């Protein structure tokens, strides 16, 4: 559950999709960047508003979703 406090769900931001720290950075976009073979370092260089912990939180969030565990996120 480490870093999950960085994932927020707010119906007013990105249609309620899970996002990074209340910003308009959906978890799915972070996963898309990683899936396009960008490294964490490249993502952070291109998007300085993000932090390494945000990317790790996105991966942990996706892992928990895939495991079928319920996740409670802060608003």
PDB file of N, CA and C in Angstrom:
ATOM      1  N   UNK A   1       0.817  -1.193   0.000  1.00  0.00           N
ATOM      2  CA  UNK A   1       0.000   0.000   0.000  1.00  0.00           C
ATOM      3  C   UNK A   1       0.863   1.261   0.000  1.00  0.00           C
ATOM      4  N   UNK A   2       2.173   1.085  -0.040  1.00  0.00           N
ATOM      5  CA  UNK A   2       3.069   2.220  -0.012  1.00  0.00           C
ATOM      6  C   UNK A   2       2.815   3.148  -1.202  1.00  0.00           C
ATOM      7  N   UNK A   3       2.807   4.442  -0.967  1.00  0.00           N
ATOM      8  CA  UNK A   3       2.641   5.493  -1.966  1.00  0.00           C
ATOM      9  C   UNK A   3       1.200   5.701  -2.429  1.00  0.00           C
ATOM     10  N   UNK A   4       0.259   4.871  -2.036  1.00  0.00           N
ATOM     11  CA  UNK A   4      -1.092   5.000  -2.570  1.00  0.00           C
ATOM     12  C   UNK A   4      -1.781   6.294  -2.158  1.00  0.00           C
ATOM     13  N   UNK A   5      -1.282   6.960  -1.129  1.00  0.00           N
ATOM     14  CA  UNK A   5      -1.859   8.248  -0.756  1.00  0.00           C
ATOM     15  C   UNK A   5      -1.637   9.275  -1.866  1.00  0.00           C
ATOM     16  N   UNK A   6      -0.761   8.988  -2.801  1.00  0.00           N
ATOM     17  CA  UNK A   6      -0.508   9.877  -3.934  1.00  0.00           C
ATOM     18  C   UNK A   6      -1.573   9.742  -5.023  1.00  0.00           C
ATOM     19  N   UNK A   7      -2.374   8.697  -4.959  1.00  0.00           N
ATOM     20  CA  UNK A   7      -3.417   8.481  -5.960  1.00  0.00           C
ATOM     21  C   UNK A   7      -4.725   9.045  -5.421  1.00  0.00           C
ATOM     22  N   UNK A   8      -5.318   9.968  -6.176  1.00  0.00           N
ATOM     23  CA  UNK A   8      -6.565  10.590  -5.749  1.00  0.00           C
ATOM     24  C   UNK A   8      -7.646  10.366  -6.799  1.00  0.00           C
ATOM     25  N   UNK A   9      -8.876  10.321  -6.314  1.00  0.00           N
ATOM     26  CA  UNK A   9     -10.026  10.198  -7.208  1.00  0.00           C
ATOM     27  C   UNK A   9     -10.989  11.318  -6.851  1.00  0.00           C
ATOM     28  N   UNK A  10     -11.215  12.193  -7.813  1.00  0.00           N
ATOM     29  CA  UNK A  10     -12.087  13.345  -7.621  1.00  0.00           C
ATOM     30  C   UNK A  10     -12.968  13.466  -8.859  1.00  0.00           C
ATOM     31  N   UNK A  11     -14.287  13.409  -8.697  1.00  0.00           N
ATOM     32  CA  UNK A  11     -15.174  13.492  -9.861  1.00  0.00           C
ATOM     33  C   UNK A  11     -14.985  14.780 -10.676  1.00  0.00           C
ATOM     34  N   UNK A  12     -14.380  15.796 -10.079  1.00  0.00           N
ATOM     35  CA  UNK A  12     -14.161  17.071 -10.769  1.00  0.00           C
ATOM     36  C   UNK A  12     -12.854  17.088 -11.569  1.00  0.00           C
ATOM     37  N   UNK A  13     -12.033  16.071 -11.407  1.00  0.00           N
ATOM     38  CA  UNK A  13     -10.744  16.024 -12.098  1.00  0.00           C
ATOM     39  C   UNK A  13     -10.686  14.782 -12.976  1.00  0.00           C
ATOM     40  N   UNK A  14     -10.512  15.002 -14.271  1.00  0.00           N
ATOM     41  CA  UNK A  14     -10.377  13.906 -15.253  1.00  0.00           C
ATOM     42  C   UNK A  14     -11.520  12.896 -15.155  1.00  0.00           C
ATOM     43  N   UNK A  15     -12.731  13.401 -14.979  1.00  0.00           N
ATOM     44  CA  UNK A  15     -13.929  12.553 -14.938  1.00  0.00           C
ATOM     45  C   UNK A  15     -13.871  11.477 -13.866  1.00  0.00           C
ATOM     46  N   UNK A  16     -13.169  11.757 -12.786  1.00  0.00           N
ATOM     47  CA  UNK A  16     -13.109  10.818 -11.672  1.00  0.00           C
ATOM     48  C   UNK A  16     -12.121   9.681 -11.841  1.00  0.00           C
ATOM     49  N   UNK A  17     -11.275   9.759 -12.854  1.00  0.00           N
ATOM     50  CA  UNK A  17     -10.250   8.722 -13.020  1.00  0.00           C
ATOM     51  C   UNK A  17      -9.196   8.876 -11.921  1.00  0.00           C
ATOM     52  N   UNK A  18      -8.567   7.782 -11.524  1.00  0.00           N
ATOM     53  CA  UNK A  18      -7.477   7.877 -10.543  1.00  0.00           C
ATOM     54  C   UNK A  18      -6.346   8.738 -11.110  1.00  0.00           C
ATOM     55  N   UNK A  19      -5.934   9.736 -10.338  1.00  0.00           N
ATOM     56  CA  UNK A  19      -4.910  10.683 -10.778  1.00  0.00           C
ATOM     57  C   UNK A  19      -3.804  10.804  -9.737  1.00  0.00           C
ATOM     58  N   UNK A  20      -2.745  11.446 -10.164  1.00  0.00           N
ATOM     59  CA  UNK A  20      -1.605  11.698  -9.290  1.00  0.00           C
ATOM     60  C   UNK A  20      -1.834  12.978  -8.500  1.00  0.00           C
ATOM     61  N   UNK A  21      -1.859  12.878  -7.180  1.00  0.00           N
ATOM     62  CA  UNK A  21      -1.893  14.002  -6.255  1.00  0.00           C
ATOM     63  C   UNK A  21      -2.869  15.110  -6.637  1.00  0.00           C
ATOM     64  N   UNK A  22      -4.041  14.747  -7.142  1.00  0.00           N
ATOM     65  CA  UNK A  22      -5.045  15.750  -7.465  1.00  0.00           C
ATOM     66  C   UNK A  22      -4.748  16.551  -8.721  1.00  0.00           C
ATOM     67  N   UNK A  23      -3.679  16.208  -9.414  1.00  0.00           N
ATOM     68  CA  UNK A  23      -3.332  16.891 -10.664  1.00  0.00           C
ATOM     69  C   UNK A  23      -4.066  16.198 -11.809  1.00  0.00           C
ATOM     70  N   UNK A  24      -3.990  16.779 -12.944  1.00  0.00           N
ATOM     71  CA  UNK A  24      -4.625  16.192 -14.133  1.00  0.00           C
ATOM     72  C   UNK A  24      -3.660  15.220 -14.823  1.00  0.00           C
ATOM     73  N   UNK A  25      -3.169  14.309 -14.030  1.00  0.00           N
ATOM     74  CA  UNK A  25      -2.277  13.247 -14.493  1.00  0.00           C
ATOM     75  C   UNK A  25      -2.904  11.902 -14.132  1.00  0.00           C
ATOM     76  N   UNK A  26      -3.761  11.358 -15.012  1.00  0.00           N
ATOM     77  CA  UNK A  26      -4.353  10.053 -14.717  1.00  0.00           C
ATOM     78  C   UNK A  26      -3.292   8.948 -14.637  1.00  0.00           C
ATOM     79  N   UNK A  27      -3.531   8.007 -13.769  1.00  0.00           N
ATOM     80  CA  UNK A  27      -2.646   6.850 -13.633  1.00  0.00           C
ATOM     81  C   UNK A  27      -2.456   6.175 -14.984  1.00  0.00           C
ATOM     82  N   UNK A  28      -3.524   6.079 -15.765  1.00  0.00           N
ATOM     83  CA  UNK A  28      -3.420   5.387 -17.052  1.00  0.00           C
ATOM     84  C   UNK A  28      -2.418   6.072 -17.985  1.00  0.00           C
ATOM     85  N   UNK A  29      -2.267   7.388 -17.896  1.00  0.00           N
ATOM     86  CA  UNK A  29      -1.292   8.091 -18.736  1.00  0.00           C
ATOM     87  C   UNK A  29       0.131   7.728 -18.305  1.00  0.00           C
ATOM     88  N   UNK A  30       0.349   7.643 -17.007  1.00  0.00           N
ATOM     89  CA  UNK A  30       1.668   7.228 -16.509  1.00  0.00           C
ATOM     90  C   UNK A  30       1.985   5.823 -17.015  1.00  0.00           C
ATOM     91  N   UNK A  31       1.005   4.932 -16.941  1.00  0.00           N
ATOM     92  CA  UNK A  31       1.215   3.563 -17.413  1.00  0.00           C
ATOM     93  C   UNK A  31       1.463   3.537 -18.920  1.00  0.00           C
ATOM     94  N   UNK A  32       0.770   4.399 -19.672  1.00  0.00           N
ATOM     95  CA  UNK A  32       1.000   4.490 -21.117  1.00  0.00           C
ATOM     96  C   UNK A  32       2.436   4.934 -21.413  1.00  0.00           C
ATOM     97  N   UNK A  33       2.924   5.916 -20.663  1.00  0.00           N
ATOM     98  CA  UNK A  33       4.302   6.381 -20.867  1.00  0.00           C
ATOM     99  C   UNK A  33       5.295   5.256 -20.610  1.00  0.00           C
ATOM    100  N   UNK A  34       5.082   4.528 -19.526  1.00  0.00           N
ATOM    101  CA  UNK A  34       5.968   3.394 -19.226  1.00  0.00           C
ATOM    102  C   UNK A  34       5.842   2.309 -20.286  1.00  0.00           C
ATOM    103  N   UNK A  35       4.631   2.077 -20.761  1.00  0.00           N
ATOM    104  CA  UNK A  35       4.393   1.071 -21.800  1.00  0.00           C
ATOM    105  C   UNK A  35       5.004   1.440 -23.133  1.00  0.00           C
ATOM    106  N   UNK A  36       5.234   2.738 -23.343  1.00  0.00           N
ATOM    107  CA  UNK A  36       5.872   3.179 -24.589  1.00  0.00           C
ATOM    108  C   UNK A  36       7.397   3.099 -24.489  1.00  0.00           C
ATOM    109  N   UNK A  37       7.869   2.472 -23.408  1.00  0.00           N
ATOM    110  CA  UNK A  37       9.282   2.226 -23.145  1.00  0.00           C
ATOM    111  C   UNK A  37      10.054   3.445 -22.664  1.00  0.00           C
ATOM    112  N   UNK A  38       9.323   4.481 -22.208  1.00  0.00           N
ATOM    113  CA  UNK A  38      10.025   5.589 -21.558  1.00  0.00           C
ATOM    114  C   UNK A  38      10.511   5.107 -20.209  1.00  0.00           C
ATOM    115  N   UNK A  39      11.676   5.541 -19.820  1.00  0.00           N
ATOM    116  CA  UNK A  39      12.177   5.195 -18.496  1.00  0.00           C
ATOM    117  C   UNK A  39      11.601   6.189 -17.480  1.00  0.00           C
ATOM    118  N   UNK A  40      11.691   5.827 -16.218  1.00  0.00           N
ATOM    119  CA  UNK A  40      11.244   6.742 -15.169  1.00  0.00           C
ATOM    120  C   UNK A  40      12.010   8.054 -15.286  1.00  0.00           C
ATOM    121  N   UNK A  41      13.288   7.983 -15.528  1.00  0.00           N
ATOM    122  CA  UNK A  41      14.112   9.180 -15.634  1.00  0.00           C
ATOM    123  C   UNK A  41      13.654  10.059 -16.795  1.00  0.00           C
ATOM    124  N   UNK A  42      13.323   9.458 -17.928  1.00  0.00           N
ATOM    125  CA  UNK A  42      12.848  10.233 -19.085  1.00  0.00           C
ATOM    126  C   UNK A  42      11.517  10.914 -18.780  1.00  0.00           C
ATOM    127  N   UNK A  43      10.632  10.204 -18.119  1.00  0.00           N
ATOM    128  CA  UNK A  43       9.335  10.785 -17.759  1.00  0.00           C
ATOM    129  C   UNK A  43       9.546  11.981 -16.839  1.00  0.00           C
ATOM    130  N   UNK A  44      10.404  11.824 -15.844  1.00  0.00           N
ATOM    131  CA  UNK A  44      10.657  12.909 -14.897  1.00  0.00           C
ATOM    132  C   UNK A  44      11.338  14.100 -15.561  1.00  0.00           C
ATOM    133  N   UNK A  45      12.200  13.845 -16.520  1.00  0.00           N
ATOM    134  CA  UNK A  45      12.848  14.943 -17.251  1.00  0.00           C
ATOM    135  C   UNK A  45      11.829  15.726 -18.073  1.00  0.00           C
ATOM    136  N   UNK A  46      10.926  15.009 -18.738  1.00  0.00           N
ATOM    137  CA  UNK A  46       9.924  15.649 -19.591  1.00  0.00           C
ATOM    138  C   UNK A  46       8.809  16.318 -18.795  1.00  0.00           C
ATOM    139  N   UNK A  47       8.554  15.826 -17.579  1.00  0.00           N
ATOM    140  CA  UNK A  47       7.425  16.303 -16.774  1.00  0.00           C
ATOM    141  C   UNK A  47       7.892  16.554 -15.335  1.00  0.00           C
ATOM    142  N   UNK A  48       8.557  17.682 -15.103  1.00  0.00           N
ATOM    143  CA  UNK A  48       9.159  17.947 -13.791  1.00  0.00           C
ATOM    144  C   UNK A  48       8.150  18.087 -12.647  1.00  0.00           C
ATOM    145  N   UNK A  49       6.879  18.236 -12.959  1.00  0.00           N
ATOM    146  CA  UNK A  49       5.868  18.292 -11.893  1.00  0.00           C
ATOM    147  C   UNK A  49       5.621  16.926 -11.263  1.00  0.00           C
ATOM    148  N   UNK A  50       6.070  15.873 -11.931  1.00  0.00           N
ATOM    149  CA  UNK A  50       5.938  14.519 -11.392  1.00  0.00           C
ATOM    150  C   UNK A  50       7.167  14.169 -10.560  1.00  0.00           C
ATOM    151  N   UNK A  51       6.973  13.232  -9.654  1.00  0.00           N
ATOM    152  CA  UNK A  51       8.054  12.724  -8.812  1.00  0.00           C
ATOM    153  C   UNK A  51       8.138  11.214  -8.984  1.00  0.00           C
ATOM    154  N   UNK A  52       9.309  10.682  -8.721  1.00  0.00           N
ATOM    155  CA  UNK A  52       9.511   9.233  -8.858  1.00  0.00           C
ATOM    156  C   UNK A  52       8.458   8.456  -8.076  1.00  0.00           C
ATOM    157  N   UNK A  53       8.108   8.937  -6.893  1.00  0.00           N
ATOM    158  CA  UNK A  53       7.116   8.265  -6.053  1.00  0.00           C
ATOM    159  C   UNK A  53       5.742   8.222  -6.727  1.00  0.00           C
ATOM    160  N   UNK A  54       5.430   9.206  -7.590  1.00  0.00           N
ATOM    161  CA  UNK A  54       4.166   9.204  -8.323  1.00  0.00           C
ATOM    162  C   UNK A  54       4.104   8.037  -9.302  1.00  0.00           C
ATOM    163  N   UNK A  55       5.223   7.776  -9.939  1.00  0.00           N
ATOM    164  CA  UNK A  55       5.273   6.679 -10.909  1.00  0.00           C
ATOM    165  C   UNK A  55       5.194   5.341 -10.191  1.00  0.00           C
ATOM    166  N   UNK A  56       5.892   5.216  -9.096  1.00  0.00           N
ATOM    167  CA  UNK A  56       5.827   3.988  -8.300  1.00  0.00           C
ATOM    168  C   UNK A  56       4.404   3.787  -7.778  1.00  0.00           C
ATOM    169  N   UNK A  57       3.772   4.864  -7.341  1.00  0.00           N
ATOM    170  CA  UNK A  57       2.386   4.773  -6.864  1.00  0.00           C
ATOM    171  C   UNK A  57       1.460   4.297  -7.974  1.00  0.00           C
ATOM    172  N   UNK A  58       1.674   4.770  -9.190  1.00  0.00           N
ATOM    173  CA  UNK A  58       0.847   4.339 -10.328  1.00  0.00           C
ATOM    174  C   UNK A  58       1.001   2.842 -10.575  1.00  0.00           C
ATOM    175  N   UNK A  59       2.232   2.369 -10.513  1.00  0.00           N
ATOM    176  CA  UNK A  59       2.473   0.932 -10.709  1.00  0.00           C
ATOM    177  C   UNK A  59       1.834   0.109  -9.586  1.00  0.00           C
ATOM    178  N   UNK A  60       1.970   0.577  -8.346  1.00  0.00           N
ATOM    179  CA  UNK A  60       1.358  -0.141  -7.223  1.00  0.00           C
ATOM    180  C   UNK A  60      -0.164  -0.148  -7.336  1.00  0.00           C
ATOM    181  N   UNK A  61      -0.738   0.972  -7.758  1.00  0.00           N
ATOM    182  CA  UNK A  61      -2.186   1.064  -7.935  1.00  0.00           C
ATOM    183  C   UNK A  61      -2.654   0.049  -8.986  1.00  0.00           C
ATOM    184  N   UNK A  62      -1.960   0.019 -10.119  1.00  0.00           N
ATOM    185  CA  UNK A  62      -2.315  -0.932 -11.184  1.00  0.00           C
ATOM    186  C   UNK A  62      -2.180  -2.377 -10.708  1.00  0.00           C
ATOM    187  N   UNK A  63      -1.130  -2.655  -9.949  1.00  0.00           N
ATOM    188  CA  UNK A  63      -0.936  -4.014  -9.433  1.00  0.00           C
ATOM    189  C   UNK A  63      -2.090  -4.423  -8.531  1.00  0.00           C
ATOM    190  N   UNK A  64      -2.496  -3.516  -7.649  1.00  0.00           N
ATOM    191  CA  UNK A  64      -3.604  -3.824  -6.746  1.00  0.00           C
ATOM    192  C   UNK A  64      -4.910  -4.017  -7.508  1.00  0.00           C
ATOM    193  N   UNK A  65      -5.143  -3.202  -8.520  1.00  0.00           N
ATOM    194  CA  UNK A  65      -6.351  -3.383  -9.326  1.00  0.00           C
ATOM    195  C   UNK A  65      -6.357  -4.747 -10.018  1.00  0.00           C
ATOM    196  N   UNK A  66      -5.216  -5.130 -10.557  1.00  0.00           N
ATOM    197  CA  UNK A  66      -5.118  -6.413 -11.254  1.00  0.00           C
ATOM    198  C   UNK A  66      -5.270  -7.583 -10.298  1.00  0.00           C
ATOM    199  N   UNK A  67      -4.921  -7.388  -9.037  1.00  0.00           N
ATOM    200  CA  UNK A  67      -5.044  -8.472  -8.067  1.00  0.00           C
ATOM    201  C   UNK A  67      -6.478  -8.624  -7.579  1.00  0.00           C
ATOM    202  N   UNK A  68      -7.335  -7.644  -7.915  1.00  0.00           N
ATOM    203  CA  UNK A  68      -8.724  -7.707  -7.499  1.00  0.00           C
ATOM    204  C   UNK A  68      -8.976  -7.123  -6.117  1.00  0.00           C
ATOM    205  N   UNK A  69      -7.967  -6.521  -5.516  1.00  0.00           N
ATOM    206  CA  UNK A  69      -8.134  -5.915  -4.203  1.00  0.00           C
ATOM    207  C   UNK A  69      -8.873  -4.585  -4.326  1.00  0.00           C
ATOM    208  N   UNK A  70      -9.703  -4.305  -3.349  1.00  0.00           N
ATOM    209  CA  UNK A  70     -10.373  -3.017  -3.315  1.00  0.00           C
ATOM    210  C   UNK A  70      -9.395  -1.967  -2.849  1.00  0.00           C
ATOM    211  N   UNK A  71      -9.489  -0.796  -3.428  1.00  0.00           N
ATOM    212  CA  UNK A  71      -8.572   0.275  -3.098  1.00  0.00           C
ATOM    213  C   UNK A  71      -9.369   1.476  -2.632  1.00  0.00           C
ATOM    214  N   UNK A  72      -8.963   2.061  -1.509  1.00  0.00           N
ATOM    215  CA  UNK A  72      -9.548   3.306  -1.039  1.00  0.00           C
ATOM    216  C   UNK A  72      -8.551   4.410  -1.303  1.00  0.00           C
ATOM    217  N   UNK A  73      -8.964   5.419  -2.052  1.00  0.00           N
ATOM    218  CA  UNK A  73      -8.069   6.540  -2.356  1.00  0.00           C
ATOM    219  C   UNK A  73      -8.553   7.786  -1.656  1.00  0.00           C
ATOM    220  N   UNK A  74      -7.612   8.630  -1.346  1.00  0.00           N
ATOM    221  CA  UNK A  74      -7.951   9.921  -0.744  1.00  0.00           C
ATOM    222  C   UNK A  74      -8.536  10.827  -1.817  1.00  0.00           C
ATOM    223  N   UNK A  75      -9.446  11.689  -1.417  1.00  0.00           N
ATOM    224  CA  UNK A  75     -10.018  12.644  -2.372  1.00  0.00           C
ATOM    225  C   UNK A  75      -9.233  13.912  -2.370  1.00  0.00           C
TER     226      UNK A  75
END
